[in-house]
Amino acid sequence: MKKVFVVETMDNVGTNVFQPIQKGDTVNTHGSISNVSVTATSDVPYGHKVAIKPIGKGETVYKYGLSIGSALVDIAAGDHVHIHNIESNRGRGDKVQKNETVS
C-alpha cells in the first residue's frame, strides 16, 4: 500500500514522498490526516501531489495549510495534482488570498 504525506488537516492534497505511485495503487494518507484511502487514477511521480478528496473546478487547492492555487477542472480523489489541472497563485499579487502576504 502506498502513502502520501498530509501536513495540515485542511489540506485536500497529499504529497508523494515515500515511493513511486502507479495508476491503480491504493494510496493512504499519513501525517495530520491518516484515515483517507484513495485509488490513484494515474502515475504520480515522487514529490508530486494526489487529491485526497474531490476538488471542484475553481476551488482552492490546499497544501501545507496554504492555498497553492485553484483547480482548472474538477479533480477527483486519487487524481495527480500538478500544473496540468491547477493554476498556481504563487508569485501572483492578483491571486493572493485574504490572510496571506506577498513576499
C-alpha atoms as a PDB file:
ATOM      1  CA  MET A   1       0.000   0.000   0.000  1.00  0.00           C
ATOM      2  CA  LYS A   2       1.372   3.442  -0.965  1.00  0.00           C
ATOM      3  CA  LYS A   3       1.301   6.571   1.211  1.00  0.00           C
ATOM      4  CA  VAL A   4       1.143  10.319   0.725  1.00  0.00           C
ATOM      5  CA  PHE A   5       2.038  12.832   3.410  1.00  0.00           C
ATOM      6  CA  VAL A   6      -0.507  15.418   4.572  1.00  0.00           C
ATOM      7  CA  VAL A   7       0.797  18.291   6.704  1.00  0.00           C
ATOM      8  CA  GLU A   8      -2.369  20.133   7.783  1.00  0.00           C
ATOM      9  CA  THR A   9      -5.921  18.923   8.372  1.00  0.00           C
ATOM     10  CA  MET A  10      -7.312  21.472   5.886  1.00  0.00           C
ATOM     11  CA  ASP A  11      -5.150  20.093   3.028  1.00  0.00           C
ATOM     12  CA  ASN A  12      -7.025  18.499   0.121  1.00  0.00           C
ATOM     13  CA  VAL A  13      -3.869  17.015  -1.405  1.00  0.00           C
ATOM     14  CA  GLY A  14      -1.140  14.750  -0.096  1.00  0.00           C
ATOM     15  CA  THR A  15       2.455  14.727  -1.297  1.00  0.00           C
ATOM     16  CA  ASN A  16       4.146  11.607  -2.610  1.00  0.00           C
ATOM     17  CA  VAL A  17       7.354  11.488  -0.546  1.00  0.00           C
ATOM     18  CA  PHE A  18       7.649   7.758   0.025  1.00  0.00           C
ATOM     19  CA  GLN A  19       7.787   5.753  -3.225  1.00  0.00           C
ATOM     20  CA  PRO A  20       6.505   5.879  -6.813  1.00  0.00           C
ATOM     21  CA  ILE A  21       2.737   5.633  -7.159  1.00  0.00           C
ATOM     22  CA  GLN A  22       1.269   3.873 -10.172  1.00  0.00           C
ATOM     23  CA  LYS A  23      -2.213   4.060 -11.620  1.00  0.00           C
ATOM     24  CA  GLY A  24      -4.495   1.715  -9.685  1.00  0.00           C
ATOM     25  CA  ASP A  25      -2.416   1.733  -6.488  1.00  0.00           C
ATOM     26  CA  THR A  26      -4.267   2.170  -3.222  1.00  0.00           C
ATOM     27  CA  VAL A  27      -2.899   5.285  -1.551  1.00  0.00           C
ATOM     28  CA  ASN A  28      -3.306   6.024   2.156  1.00  0.00           C
ATOM     29  CA  THR A  29      -2.700   9.325   3.896  1.00  0.00           C
ATOM     30  CA  HIS A  30      -0.020   9.728   6.539  1.00  0.00           C
ATOM     31  CA  GLY A  31       0.562  12.731   8.817  1.00  0.00           C
ATOM     32  CA  SER A  32      -2.127  15.151  10.028  1.00  0.00           C
ATOM     33  CA  ILE A  33      -4.759  13.149   8.141  1.00  0.00           C
ATOM     34  CA  SER A  34      -4.183   9.420   8.408  1.00  0.00           C
ATOM     35  CA  ASN A  35      -7.588   7.897   7.714  1.00  0.00           C
ATOM     36  CA  VAL A  36      -8.114   8.539   3.985  1.00  0.00           C
ATOM     37  CA  SER A  37      -7.606   5.947   1.268  1.00  0.00           C
ATOM     38  CA  VAL A  38      -7.919   6.668  -2.464  1.00  0.00           C
ATOM     39  CA  THR A  39      -7.098   4.828  -5.679  1.00  0.00           C
ATOM     40  CA  ALA A  40      -4.536   6.537  -7.901  1.00  0.00           C
ATOM     41  CA  THR A  41      -6.090   7.416 -11.265  1.00  0.00           C
ATOM     42  CA  SER A  42      -2.660   7.846 -12.895  1.00  0.00           C
ATOM     43  CA  ASP A  43       1.027   7.547 -12.105  1.00  0.00           C
ATOM     44  CA  VAL A  44       2.242  10.129  -9.571  1.00  0.00           C
ATOM     45  CA  PRO A  45       5.956  10.951  -9.546  1.00  0.00           C
ATOM     46  CA  TYR A  46       7.901  11.443  -6.339  1.00  0.00           C
ATOM     47  CA  GLY A  47       7.290  14.929  -4.913  1.00  0.00           C
ATOM     48  CA  HIS A  48       4.006  15.432  -6.747  1.00  0.00           C
ATOM     49  CA  LYS A  49       0.543  15.671  -5.227  1.00  0.00           C
ATOM     50  CA  VAL A  50      -2.509  13.407  -5.074  1.00  0.00           C
ATOM     51  CA  ALA A  51      -6.021  14.708  -4.392  1.00  0.00           C
ATOM     52  CA  ILE A  52      -7.273  13.118  -1.182  1.00  0.00           C
ATOM     53  CA  LYS A  53     -10.816  14.398  -1.725  1.00  0.00           C
ATOM     54  CA  PRO A  54     -12.702  15.829  -4.701  1.00  0.00           C
ATOM     55  CA  ILE A  55     -11.763  19.410  -5.618  1.00  0.00           C
ATOM     56  CA  GLY A  56     -14.251  21.252  -7.815  1.00  0.00           C
ATOM     57  CA  LYS A  57     -13.292  23.478 -10.726  1.00  0.00           C
ATOM     58  CA  GLY A  58     -12.343  26.890  -9.340  1.00  0.00           C
ATOM     59  CA  GLU A  59     -11.907  25.635  -5.773  1.00  0.00           C
ATOM     60  CA  THR A  60      -8.754  26.289  -3.797  1.00  0.00           C
ATOM     61  CA  VAL A  61      -6.068  23.612  -3.605  1.00  0.00           C
ATOM     62  CA  TYR A  62      -4.501  23.447  -0.135  1.00  0.00           C
ATOM     63  CA  LYS A  63      -1.058  22.023   0.667  1.00  0.00           C
ATOM     64  CA  TYR A  64       0.773  22.635   3.960  1.00  0.00           C
ATOM     65  CA  GLY A  65      -2.340  24.505   5.124  1.00  0.00           C
ATOM     66  CA  LEU A  66      -1.817  27.148   2.423  1.00  0.00           C
ATOM     67  CA  SER A  67      -3.532  27.908  -0.847  1.00  0.00           C
ATOM     68  CA  ILE A  68      -1.263  26.837  -3.693  1.00  0.00           C
ATOM     69  CA  GLY A  69      -3.714  27.562  -6.490  1.00  0.00           C
ATOM     70  CA  SER A  70      -7.126  26.920  -7.993  1.00  0.00           C
ATOM     71  CA  ALA A  71      -8.439  23.859  -9.780  1.00  0.00           C
ATOM     72  CA  LEU A  72      -8.723  24.423 -13.537  1.00  0.00           C
ATOM     73  CA  VAL A  73     -11.043  21.402 -13.849  1.00  0.00           C
ATOM     74  CA  ASP A  74     -12.910  19.095 -11.489  1.00  0.00           C
ATOM     75  CA  ILE A  75     -10.281  16.959  -9.741  1.00  0.00           C
ATOM     76  CA  ALA A  76     -11.344  13.571  -8.380  1.00  0.00           C
ATOM     77  CA  ALA A  77      -9.928  11.933  -5.274  1.00  0.00           C
ATOM     78  CA  GLY A  78      -6.894   9.947  -6.425  1.00  0.00           C
ATOM     79  CA  ASP A  79      -6.025  12.290  -9.311  1.00  0.00           C
ATOM     80  CA  HIS A  80      -2.469  13.530  -9.846  1.00  0.00           C
ATOM     81  CA  VAL A  81      -2.497  17.244  -8.976  1.00  0.00           C
ATOM     82  CA  HIS A  82       0.064  19.343 -10.829  1.00  0.00           C
ATOM     83  CA  ILE A  83       0.343  22.143 -13.392  1.00  0.00           C
ATOM     84  CA  HIS A  84      -1.957  20.355 -15.843  1.00  0.00           C
ATOM     85  CA  ASN A  85      -5.007  20.783 -13.592  1.00  0.00           C
ATOM     86  CA  ILE A  86      -4.299  23.697 -11.246  1.00  0.00           C
ATOM     87  CA  GLU A  87      -3.399  27.339 -11.753  1.00  0.00           C
ATOM     88  CA  SER A  88      -0.803  28.473  -9.261  1.00  0.00           C
ATOM     89  CA  ASN A  89      -1.323  31.601  -7.242  1.00  0.00           C
ATOM     90  CA  ARG A  90       2.317  31.690  -6.135  1.00  0.00           C
ATOM     91  CA  GLY A  91       4.143  34.844  -7.133  1.00  0.00           C
ATOM     92  CA  ARG A  92       0.939  36.478  -8.385  1.00  0.00           C
ATOM     93  CA  GLY A  93      -0.168  39.539  -6.465  1.00  0.00           C
ATOM     94  CA  ASP A  94      -3.575  39.360  -8.157  1.00  0.00           C
ATOM     95  CA  LYS A  95      -4.224  35.870  -6.718  1.00  0.00           C
ATOM     96  CA  VAL A  96      -3.276  36.423  -3.065  1.00  0.00           C
ATOM     97  CA  GLN A  97      -5.850  35.048  -0.624  1.00  0.00           C
ATOM     98  CA  LYS A  98      -7.001  37.009   2.413  1.00  0.00           C
ATOM     99  CA  ASN A  99      -4.650  36.473   5.357  1.00  0.00           C
ATOM    100  CA  GLU A 100      -1.711  35.786   3.011  1.00  0.00           C
ATOM    101  CA  THR A 101       1.063  38.168   2.117  1.00  0.00           C
ATOM    102  CA  VAL A 102       3.156  38.544  -0.991  1.00  0.00           C
ATOM    103  CA  SER A 103       6.837  38.101  -0.276  1.00  0.00           C
END
